[in-house]
Amino acid sequence: MGSNLGDSLRIVNQAVTALGEGVNVTAVSRWYRTKPIGYREGQPCLLEQPDFINGCVIGTTSLSPGELLEFLLRVEQSFGRVRRQKYDARTLDLDLLLYADAVIATPRLQVPHPRMTDRGFVLIPLAEIAPDWWHPLANRSVLDLAQSLTHSLCQPVPL
């Protein structure tokens, strides 16, 4: 979960509450300030945008992965999310990182999230609330992935 437009801290806190309409939220990480990251030629790079507030949420749901994705997109839209171009600044970004131990590869949804293993702003808050979760493709725990981050662009700062 992340936001870098508007009152981002208020938005992410309110988004956790909004998730409760379709997800039983069981854990929320601390919030972290992170630099906006994009990719050029396959490499991470800093973008000229406001910093993000990022964190992770764990929950249970009766929604299928596809239904959960649609629910997350509706929550984003309810917070004013407009999709113009990739890596644009946004009021709210909700990513489906893992869904139990499922591996899903469709044009609309990829689980585990394809870039989560490279993103400190994902792995560090996720390791806070689910260190032993297993990434089914990397075959490593979330904590191990977080501890093995090699580039500093994705290092979040706790609020």
N, C-alpha and C. Protein backbone atom coordinates (compact mmCIF):
# COMPACT_ATOMS: atom_id res chain seq x y z
N MET A 1 0.85 -1.16 0.00
CA MET A 1 0.00 0.00 0.00
C MET A 1 0.90 1.22 0.00
N GLY A 2 0.52 2.22 -0.80
CA GLY A 2 1.31 3.44 -0.82
C GLY A 2 0.52 4.63 -1.34
N SER A 3 1.02 5.82 -1.02
CA SER A 3 0.42 7.07 -1.46
C SER A 3 1.51 8.13 -1.53
N ASN A 4 1.46 8.97 -2.60
CA ASN A 4 2.37 10.11 -2.62
C ASN A 4 1.71 11.37 -3.17
N LEU A 5 0.38 11.41 -3.15
CA LEU A 5 -0.36 12.62 -3.50
C LEU A 5 -1.39 12.89 -2.41
N GLY A 6 -1.52 14.14 -2.05
CA GLY A 6 -2.48 14.49 -1.01
C GLY A 6 -1.90 14.24 0.37
N ASP A 7 -2.77 14.10 1.36
CA ASP A 7 -2.36 13.82 2.73
C ASP A 7 -2.14 12.31 2.84
N SER A 8 -0.98 11.87 2.40
CA SER A 8 -0.70 10.44 2.22
C SER A 8 -0.86 9.62 3.49
N LEU A 9 -0.43 10.13 4.62
CA LEU A 9 -0.57 9.38 5.87
C LEU A 9 -2.04 9.18 6.22
N ARG A 10 -2.83 10.21 6.07
CA ARG A 10 -4.28 10.08 6.31
C ARG A 10 -4.89 9.10 5.31
N ILE A 11 -4.48 9.18 4.05
CA ILE A 11 -5.04 8.30 3.02
C ILE A 11 -4.75 6.84 3.31
N VAL A 12 -3.51 6.50 3.65
CA VAL A 12 -3.21 5.07 3.88
C VAL A 12 -3.93 4.56 5.12
N ASN A 13 -4.04 5.40 6.14
CA ASN A 13 -4.79 4.98 7.34
C ASN A 13 -6.26 4.76 7.02
N GLN A 14 -6.85 5.65 6.25
CA GLN A 14 -8.25 5.49 5.86
C GLN A 14 -8.42 4.29 4.92
N ALA A 15 -7.43 4.03 4.09
CA ALA A 15 -7.50 2.89 3.17
C ALA A 15 -7.53 1.57 3.94
N VAL A 16 -6.78 1.48 5.04
CA VAL A 16 -6.83 0.27 5.86
C VAL A 16 -8.26 0.03 6.33
N THR A 17 -8.94 1.07 6.76
CA THR A 17 -10.33 0.95 7.18
C THR A 17 -11.21 0.52 6.00
N ALA A 18 -11.00 1.12 4.84
CA ALA A 18 -11.79 0.79 3.66
C ALA A 18 -11.59 -0.66 3.23
N LEU A 19 -10.41 -1.19 3.45
CA LEU A 19 -10.15 -2.60 3.10
C LEU A 19 -11.06 -3.53 3.89
N GLY A 20 -11.48 -3.10 5.07
CA GLY A 20 -12.33 -3.92 5.92
C GLY A 20 -13.67 -4.28 5.30
N GLU A 21 -14.04 -3.63 4.20
CA GLU A 21 -15.29 -3.96 3.53
C GLU A 21 -15.19 -5.27 2.75
N GLY A 22 -13.97 -5.74 2.46
CA GLY A 22 -13.82 -6.98 1.72
C GLY A 22 -12.75 -7.90 2.26
N VAL A 23 -12.01 -7.39 3.24
CA VAL A 23 -10.87 -8.12 3.81
C VAL A 23 -10.92 -8.00 5.32
N ASN A 24 -10.69 -9.09 6.01
CA ASN A 24 -10.53 -9.06 7.46
C ASN A 24 -9.06 -8.74 7.73
N VAL A 25 -8.76 -7.48 7.99
CA VAL A 25 -7.37 -7.05 8.20
C VAL A 25 -6.88 -7.62 9.53
N THR A 26 -5.78 -8.37 9.47
CA THR A 26 -5.25 -9.02 10.67
C THR A 26 -3.92 -8.43 11.14
N ALA A 27 -3.24 -7.68 10.27
CA ALA A 27 -1.97 -7.05 10.66
C ALA A 27 -1.69 -5.87 9.73
N VAL A 28 -1.09 -4.82 10.32
CA VAL A 28 -0.68 -3.65 9.56
C VAL A 28 0.73 -3.30 10.01
N SER A 29 1.62 -3.10 9.05
CA SER A 29 3.00 -2.71 9.39
C SER A 29 3.04 -1.25 9.82
N ARG A 30 4.20 -0.82 10.27
CA ARG A 30 4.43 0.61 10.47
C ARG A 30 4.40 1.27 9.09
N TRP A 31 4.27 2.57 9.07
CA TRP A 31 4.34 3.32 7.82
C TRP A 31 5.77 3.79 7.59
N TYR A 32 6.17 3.81 6.35
CA TYR A 32 7.51 4.19 5.96
C TYR A 32 7.47 5.27 4.89
N ARG A 33 8.42 6.21 4.98
CA ARG A 33 8.61 7.20 3.93
C ARG A 33 9.62 6.61 2.94
N THR A 34 9.27 6.64 1.66
CA THR A 34 10.16 6.08 0.65
C THR A 34 10.26 7.01 -0.55
N LYS A 35 11.39 6.97 -1.19
CA LYS A 35 11.59 7.74 -2.41
C LYS A 35 10.81 7.07 -3.54
N PRO A 36 10.27 7.86 -4.46
CA PRO A 36 9.53 7.26 -5.58
C PRO A 36 10.51 6.59 -6.54
N ILE A 37 10.20 5.35 -6.88
CA ILE A 37 11.08 4.53 -7.71
C ILE A 37 10.38 4.18 -9.01
N GLY A 38 11.11 4.28 -10.09
CA GLY A 38 10.66 3.81 -11.40
C GLY A 38 11.73 2.88 -11.95
N TYR A 39 11.56 2.48 -13.18
CA TYR A 39 12.56 1.60 -13.81
C TYR A 39 12.88 2.14 -15.19
N ARG A 40 14.17 2.23 -15.48
CA ARG A 40 14.65 2.59 -16.81
C ARG A 40 15.63 1.52 -17.23
N GLU A 41 15.37 0.97 -18.40
CA GLU A 41 16.22 -0.11 -18.93
C GLU A 41 16.38 -1.22 -17.92
N GLY A 42 15.30 -1.52 -17.20
CA GLY A 42 15.29 -2.63 -16.26
C GLY A 42 15.95 -2.35 -14.92
N GLN A 43 16.44 -1.13 -14.72
CA GLN A 43 17.13 -0.79 -13.48
C GLN A 43 16.30 0.22 -12.69
N PRO A 44 16.27 0.10 -11.35
CA PRO A 44 15.52 1.07 -10.56
C PRO A 44 16.17 2.45 -10.61
N CYS A 45 15.33 3.49 -10.62
CA CYS A 45 15.83 4.86 -10.62
C CYS A 45 14.86 5.73 -9.83
N LEU A 46 15.37 6.82 -9.30
CA LEU A 46 14.54 7.78 -8.56
C LEU A 46 13.71 8.60 -9.54
N LEU A 47 12.48 8.89 -9.16
CA LEU A 47 11.60 9.72 -9.97
C LEU A 47 11.43 11.08 -9.31
N GLU A 48 11.11 12.09 -10.09
CA GLU A 48 10.88 13.43 -9.55
C GLU A 48 9.41 13.55 -9.17
N GLN A 49 9.09 13.09 -7.97
CA GLN A 49 7.75 13.12 -7.42
C GLN A 49 7.87 13.27 -5.90
N PRO A 50 6.76 13.55 -5.23
CA PRO A 50 6.80 13.55 -3.76
C PRO A 50 7.13 12.15 -3.23
N ASP A 51 7.69 12.10 -2.03
CA ASP A 51 7.96 10.81 -1.38
C ASP A 51 6.66 10.07 -1.14
N PHE A 52 6.77 8.75 -1.05
CA PHE A 52 5.63 7.89 -0.75
C PHE A 52 5.55 7.62 0.74
N ILE A 53 4.35 7.32 1.21
CA ILE A 53 4.13 6.66 2.48
C ILE A 53 3.73 5.24 2.10
N ASN A 54 4.49 4.24 2.55
CA ASN A 54 4.24 2.84 2.20
C ASN A 54 4.12 1.99 3.45
N GLY A 55 3.41 0.90 3.32
CA GLY A 55 3.30 -0.10 4.36
C GLY A 55 2.62 -1.33 3.80
N CYS A 56 2.49 -2.35 4.62
CA CYS A 56 1.86 -3.59 4.19
C CYS A 56 0.74 -3.98 5.15
N VAL A 57 -0.22 -4.69 4.60
CA VAL A 57 -1.39 -5.15 5.34
C VAL A 57 -1.56 -6.64 5.05
N ILE A 58 -1.92 -7.39 6.08
CA ILE A 58 -2.26 -8.80 5.92
C ILE A 58 -3.73 -8.95 6.25
N GLY A 59 -4.38 -9.80 5.50
CA GLY A 59 -5.79 -10.04 5.80
C GLY A 59 -6.25 -11.36 5.25
N THR A 60 -7.43 -11.75 5.66
CA THR A 60 -8.09 -12.93 5.13
C THR A 60 -9.32 -12.46 4.37
N THR A 61 -9.74 -13.26 3.40
CA THR A 61 -10.89 -12.89 2.60
C THR A 61 -11.51 -14.12 1.98
N SER A 62 -12.77 -14.02 1.67
CA SER A 62 -13.45 -15.08 0.92
C SER A 62 -13.41 -14.77 -0.58
N LEU A 63 -12.85 -13.63 -0.96
CA LEU A 63 -12.75 -13.24 -2.36
C LEU A 63 -11.69 -14.08 -3.07
N SER A 64 -11.95 -14.44 -4.31
CA SER A 64 -10.93 -15.11 -5.13
C SER A 64 -9.85 -14.08 -5.45
N PRO A 65 -8.68 -14.50 -5.94
CA PRO A 65 -7.64 -13.53 -6.30
C PRO A 65 -8.14 -12.47 -7.29
N GLY A 66 -8.88 -12.88 -8.31
CA GLY A 66 -9.40 -11.92 -9.28
C GLY A 66 -10.40 -10.96 -8.66
N GLU A 67 -11.27 -11.48 -7.81
CA GLU A 67 -12.24 -10.62 -7.11
C GLU A 67 -11.54 -9.66 -6.16
N LEU A 68 -10.48 -10.15 -5.51
CA LEU A 68 -9.72 -9.30 -4.60
C LEU A 68 -9.05 -8.17 -5.37
N LEU A 69 -8.47 -8.48 -6.52
CA LEU A 69 -7.86 -7.44 -7.34
C LEU A 69 -8.89 -6.39 -7.72
N GLU A 70 -10.07 -6.80 -8.16
CA GLU A 70 -11.11 -5.84 -8.53
C GLU A 70 -11.53 -5.00 -7.32
N PHE A 71 -11.64 -5.62 -6.16
CA PHE A 71 -11.96 -4.89 -4.94
C PHE A 71 -10.89 -3.84 -4.65
N LEU A 72 -9.61 -4.21 -4.74
CA LEU A 72 -8.51 -3.27 -4.49
C LEU A 72 -8.56 -2.10 -5.46
N LEU A 73 -8.85 -2.37 -6.71
CA LEU A 73 -8.94 -1.30 -7.71
C LEU A 73 -10.09 -0.34 -7.38
N ARG A 74 -11.21 -0.88 -6.91
CA ARG A 74 -12.34 -0.02 -6.51
C ARG A 74 -11.96 0.85 -5.31
N VAL A 75 -11.23 0.28 -4.35
CA VAL A 75 -10.80 1.07 -3.20
C VAL A 75 -9.87 2.19 -3.67
N GLU A 76 -8.92 1.86 -4.54
CA GLU A 76 -8.04 2.91 -5.09
C GLU A 76 -8.85 4.04 -5.72
N GLN A 77 -9.81 3.67 -6.55
CA GLN A 77 -10.63 4.68 -7.23
C GLN A 77 -11.42 5.53 -6.24
N SER A 78 -11.87 4.92 -5.15
CA SER A 78 -12.63 5.68 -4.15
C SER A 78 -11.77 6.74 -3.47
N PHE A 79 -10.45 6.59 -3.56
CA PHE A 79 -9.51 7.57 -3.00
C PHE A 79 -8.95 8.48 -4.09
N GLY A 80 -9.58 8.47 -5.26
CA GLY A 80 -9.19 9.39 -6.33
C GLY A 80 -8.06 8.92 -7.21
N ARG A 81 -7.74 7.64 -7.18
CA ARG A 81 -6.66 7.13 -8.03
C ARG A 81 -7.04 7.25 -9.50
N VAL A 82 -6.14 7.86 -10.27
CA VAL A 82 -6.30 7.97 -11.72
C VAL A 82 -5.05 7.36 -12.34
N ARG A 83 -5.26 6.43 -13.26
CA ARG A 83 -4.13 5.77 -13.93
C ARG A 83 -3.86 6.47 -15.27
N ARG A 84 -2.74 7.18 -15.32
CA ARG A 84 -2.35 7.87 -16.55
C ARG A 84 -1.21 7.12 -17.23
N GLN A 85 -0.12 6.98 -16.50
CA GLN A 85 1.03 6.26 -17.04
C GLN A 85 1.73 5.52 -15.91
N LYS A 86 2.52 4.54 -16.27
CA LYS A 86 3.23 3.72 -15.29
C LYS A 86 4.15 4.59 -14.45
N TYR A 87 4.19 4.33 -13.16
CA TYR A 87 5.05 5.01 -12.18
C TYR A 87 4.64 6.46 -11.94
N ASP A 88 3.41 6.82 -12.30
CA ASP A 88 2.90 8.16 -12.00
C ASP A 88 2.69 8.32 -10.50
N ALA A 89 2.71 9.56 -10.03
CA ALA A 89 2.32 9.83 -8.64
C ALA A 89 0.86 9.41 -8.48
N ARG A 90 0.48 9.02 -7.25
CA ARG A 90 -0.89 8.52 -7.04
C ARG A 90 -1.37 8.77 -5.63
N THR A 91 -2.68 8.93 -5.52
CA THR A 91 -3.28 9.11 -4.20
C THR A 91 -3.23 7.82 -3.41
N LEU A 92 -3.41 6.68 -4.09
CA LEU A 92 -3.39 5.39 -3.41
C LEU A 92 -3.01 4.29 -4.39
N ASP A 93 -2.13 3.43 -3.95
CA ASP A 93 -1.71 2.27 -4.74
C ASP A 93 -1.83 1.04 -3.85
N LEU A 94 -2.64 0.10 -4.27
CA LEU A 94 -2.83 -1.15 -3.53
C LEU A 94 -2.38 -2.30 -4.41
N ASP A 95 -1.35 -3.01 -4.00
CA ASP A 95 -0.85 -4.15 -4.76
C ASP A 95 -1.17 -5.44 -4.03
N LEU A 96 -1.55 -6.44 -4.78
CA LEU A 96 -1.75 -7.79 -4.26
C LEU A 96 -0.41 -8.50 -4.39
N LEU A 97 0.29 -8.67 -3.27
CA LEU A 97 1.64 -9.23 -3.29
C LEU A 97 1.63 -10.75 -3.30
N LEU A 98 0.92 -11.32 -2.36
CA LEU A 98 0.85 -12.77 -2.18
C LEU A 98 -0.61 -13.14 -1.89
N TYR A 99 -0.98 -14.35 -2.29
CA TYR A 99 -2.30 -14.87 -1.99
C TYR A 99 -2.08 -16.32 -1.56
N ALA A 100 -1.94 -16.50 -0.24
CA ALA A 100 -1.53 -17.80 0.32
C ALA A 100 -0.26 -18.22 -0.41
N ASP A 101 -0.21 -19.46 -0.91
CA ASP A 101 0.98 -19.89 -1.64
C ASP A 101 0.71 -19.99 -3.15
N ALA A 102 -0.32 -19.28 -3.61
CA ALA A 102 -0.71 -19.33 -5.02
C ALA A 102 0.33 -18.69 -5.93
N VAL A 103 0.45 -19.26 -7.11
CA VAL A 103 1.23 -18.68 -8.20
C VAL A 103 0.23 -18.46 -9.33
N ILE A 104 0.05 -17.20 -9.70
CA ILE A 104 -0.95 -16.82 -10.70
C ILE A 104 -0.25 -16.00 -11.77
N ALA A 105 -0.45 -16.35 -13.01
CA ALA A 105 0.15 -15.60 -14.12
C ALA A 105 -0.88 -15.44 -15.22
N THR A 106 -1.63 -14.35 -15.15
CA THR A 106 -2.60 -14.02 -16.18
C THR A 106 -2.24 -12.62 -16.70
N PRO A 107 -2.80 -12.22 -17.83
CA PRO A 107 -2.51 -10.86 -18.31
C PRO A 107 -2.93 -9.77 -17.30
N ARG A 108 -3.91 -10.05 -16.47
CA ARG A 108 -4.44 -9.06 -15.53
C ARG A 108 -3.80 -9.12 -14.15
N LEU A 109 -3.31 -10.30 -13.75
CA LEU A 109 -2.83 -10.48 -12.38
C LEU A 109 -1.64 -11.44 -12.34
N GLN A 110 -0.60 -10.99 -11.65
CA GLN A 110 0.55 -11.85 -11.38
C GLN A 110 0.79 -11.90 -9.88
N VAL A 111 0.77 -13.09 -9.33
CA VAL A 111 1.01 -13.33 -7.91
C VAL A 111 1.97 -14.49 -7.82
N PRO A 112 3.05 -14.36 -7.05
CA PRO A 112 3.49 -13.19 -6.29
C PRO A 112 3.73 -11.98 -7.20
N HIS A 113 3.63 -10.81 -6.60
CA HIS A 113 3.88 -9.58 -7.36
C HIS A 113 5.26 -9.69 -8.00
N PRO A 114 5.37 -9.43 -9.30
CA PRO A 114 6.63 -9.70 -10.01
C PRO A 114 7.85 -8.91 -9.56
N ARG A 115 7.67 -7.75 -8.94
CA ARG A 115 8.84 -6.95 -8.53
C ARG A 115 8.99 -6.83 -7.03
N MET A 116 8.20 -7.56 -6.28
CA MET A 116 8.27 -7.40 -4.82
C MET A 116 9.62 -7.78 -4.24
N THR A 117 10.35 -8.70 -4.86
CA THR A 117 11.63 -9.14 -4.31
C THR A 117 12.73 -8.09 -4.44
N ASP A 118 12.50 -7.06 -5.25
CA ASP A 118 13.48 -5.99 -5.44
C ASP A 118 13.15 -4.73 -4.67
N ARG A 119 12.05 -4.72 -3.95
CA ARG A 119 11.54 -3.48 -3.38
C ARG A 119 11.59 -3.48 -1.86
N GLY A 120 12.51 -2.68 -1.34
CA GLY A 120 12.60 -2.54 0.10
C GLY A 120 11.34 -1.97 0.70
N PHE A 121 10.66 -1.09 -0.04
CA PHE A 121 9.43 -0.48 0.49
C PHE A 121 8.30 -1.50 0.58
N VAL A 122 8.48 -2.67 -0.01
CA VAL A 122 7.55 -3.80 0.14
C VAL A 122 8.08 -4.77 1.18
N LEU A 123 9.31 -5.22 1.00
CA LEU A 123 9.85 -6.31 1.83
C LEU A 123 10.07 -5.92 3.28
N ILE A 124 10.52 -4.71 3.53
CA ILE A 124 10.81 -4.32 4.91
C ILE A 124 9.53 -4.24 5.75
N PRO A 125 8.48 -3.54 5.29
CA PRO A 125 7.25 -3.58 6.09
C PRO A 125 6.60 -4.96 6.13
N LEU A 126 6.69 -5.71 5.04
CA LEU A 126 6.10 -7.05 5.04
C LEU A 126 6.85 -7.97 6.01
N ALA A 127 8.16 -7.85 6.06
CA ALA A 127 8.94 -8.68 6.99
C ALA A 127 8.62 -8.34 8.44
N GLU A 128 8.18 -7.13 8.69
CA GLU A 128 7.78 -6.71 10.03
C GLU A 128 6.57 -7.52 10.53
N ILE A 129 5.64 -7.83 9.63
CA ILE A 129 4.39 -8.48 10.03
C ILE A 129 4.27 -9.93 9.55
N ALA A 130 5.16 -10.35 8.65
CA ALA A 130 5.11 -11.73 8.14
C ALA A 130 6.49 -12.23 7.75
N PRO A 131 7.45 -12.23 8.69
CA PRO A 131 8.83 -12.58 8.34
C PRO A 131 8.99 -14.00 7.80
N ASP A 132 8.15 -14.90 8.24
CA ASP A 132 8.30 -16.30 7.83
C ASP A 132 7.49 -16.68 6.60
N TRP A 133 6.73 -15.73 6.06
CA TRP A 133 5.99 -16.05 4.83
C TRP A 133 6.97 -16.46 3.76
N TRP A 134 6.57 -17.41 2.97
CA TRP A 134 7.44 -18.00 1.96
C TRP A 134 7.04 -17.48 0.58
N HIS A 135 8.03 -17.00 -0.16
CA HIS A 135 7.80 -16.57 -1.54
C HIS A 135 7.90 -17.82 -2.40
N PRO A 136 6.80 -18.25 -3.02
CA PRO A 136 6.80 -19.55 -3.70
C PRO A 136 7.68 -19.63 -4.95
N LEU A 137 8.04 -18.52 -5.54
CA LEU A 137 8.93 -18.57 -6.71
C LEU A 137 10.39 -18.35 -6.34
N ALA A 138 10.65 -17.45 -5.41
CA ALA A 138 12.03 -17.22 -4.96
C ALA A 138 12.50 -18.33 -4.03
N ASN A 139 11.53 -19.07 -3.47
CA ASN A 139 11.83 -20.16 -2.53
C ASN A 139 12.64 -19.66 -1.34
N ARG A 140 12.22 -18.49 -0.82
CA ARG A 140 12.88 -17.87 0.32
C ARG A 140 11.83 -17.18 1.17
N SER A 141 12.16 -16.96 2.43
CA SER A 141 11.24 -16.25 3.31
C SER A 141 11.27 -14.75 3.01
N VAL A 142 10.22 -14.06 3.40
CA VAL A 142 10.17 -12.61 3.24
C VAL A 142 11.31 -11.96 4.00
N LEU A 143 11.60 -12.42 5.21
CA LEU A 143 12.70 -11.85 5.98
C LEU A 143 14.03 -12.03 5.27
N ASP A 144 14.28 -13.21 4.73
CA ASP A 144 15.52 -13.45 3.99
C ASP A 144 15.62 -12.53 2.77
N LEU A 145 14.53 -12.36 2.07
CA LEU A 145 14.53 -11.46 0.91
C LEU A 145 14.81 -10.02 1.34
N ALA A 146 14.19 -9.60 2.43
CA ALA A 146 14.40 -8.23 2.93
C ALA A 146 15.85 -8.00 3.34
N GLN A 147 16.45 -9.01 3.98
CA GLN A 147 17.83 -8.87 4.44
C GLN A 147 18.83 -8.92 3.29
N SER A 148 18.42 -9.40 2.14
CA SER A 148 19.36 -9.53 1.03
C SER A 148 19.25 -8.41 0.00
N LEU A 149 18.47 -7.36 0.31
CA LEU A 149 18.37 -6.24 -0.63
C LEU A 149 19.74 -5.64 -0.88
N THR A 150 20.04 -5.37 -2.15
CA THR A 150 21.38 -4.90 -2.48
C THR A 150 21.47 -3.44 -2.90
N HIS A 151 20.37 -2.84 -3.32
CA HIS A 151 20.47 -1.43 -3.73
C HIS A 151 19.75 -0.54 -2.73
N SER A 152 20.27 0.68 -2.58
CA SER A 152 19.77 1.57 -1.55
C SER A 152 18.57 2.41 -1.99
N LEU A 153 18.24 2.43 -3.28
CA LEU A 153 17.14 3.26 -3.75
C LEU A 153 15.81 2.89 -3.10
N CYS A 154 15.66 1.64 -2.73
CA CYS A 154 14.36 1.18 -2.23
C CYS A 154 14.32 1.07 -0.72
N GLN A 155 15.23 1.71 -0.02
CA GLN A 155 15.25 1.58 1.44
C GLN A 155 14.29 2.59 2.08
N PRO A 156 13.26 2.10 2.75
CA PRO A 156 12.32 2.99 3.41
C PRO A 156 12.83 3.51 4.73
N VAL A 157 12.25 4.63 5.18
CA VAL A 157 12.59 5.23 6.46
C VAL A 157 11.31 5.20 7.32
N PRO A 158 11.37 4.57 8.52
CA PRO A 158 10.16 4.51 9.35
C PRO A 158 9.70 5.91 9.75
N LEU A 159 8.39 6.10 9.84
CA LEU A 159 7.85 7.39 10.29
C LEU A 159 7.90 7.47 11.81
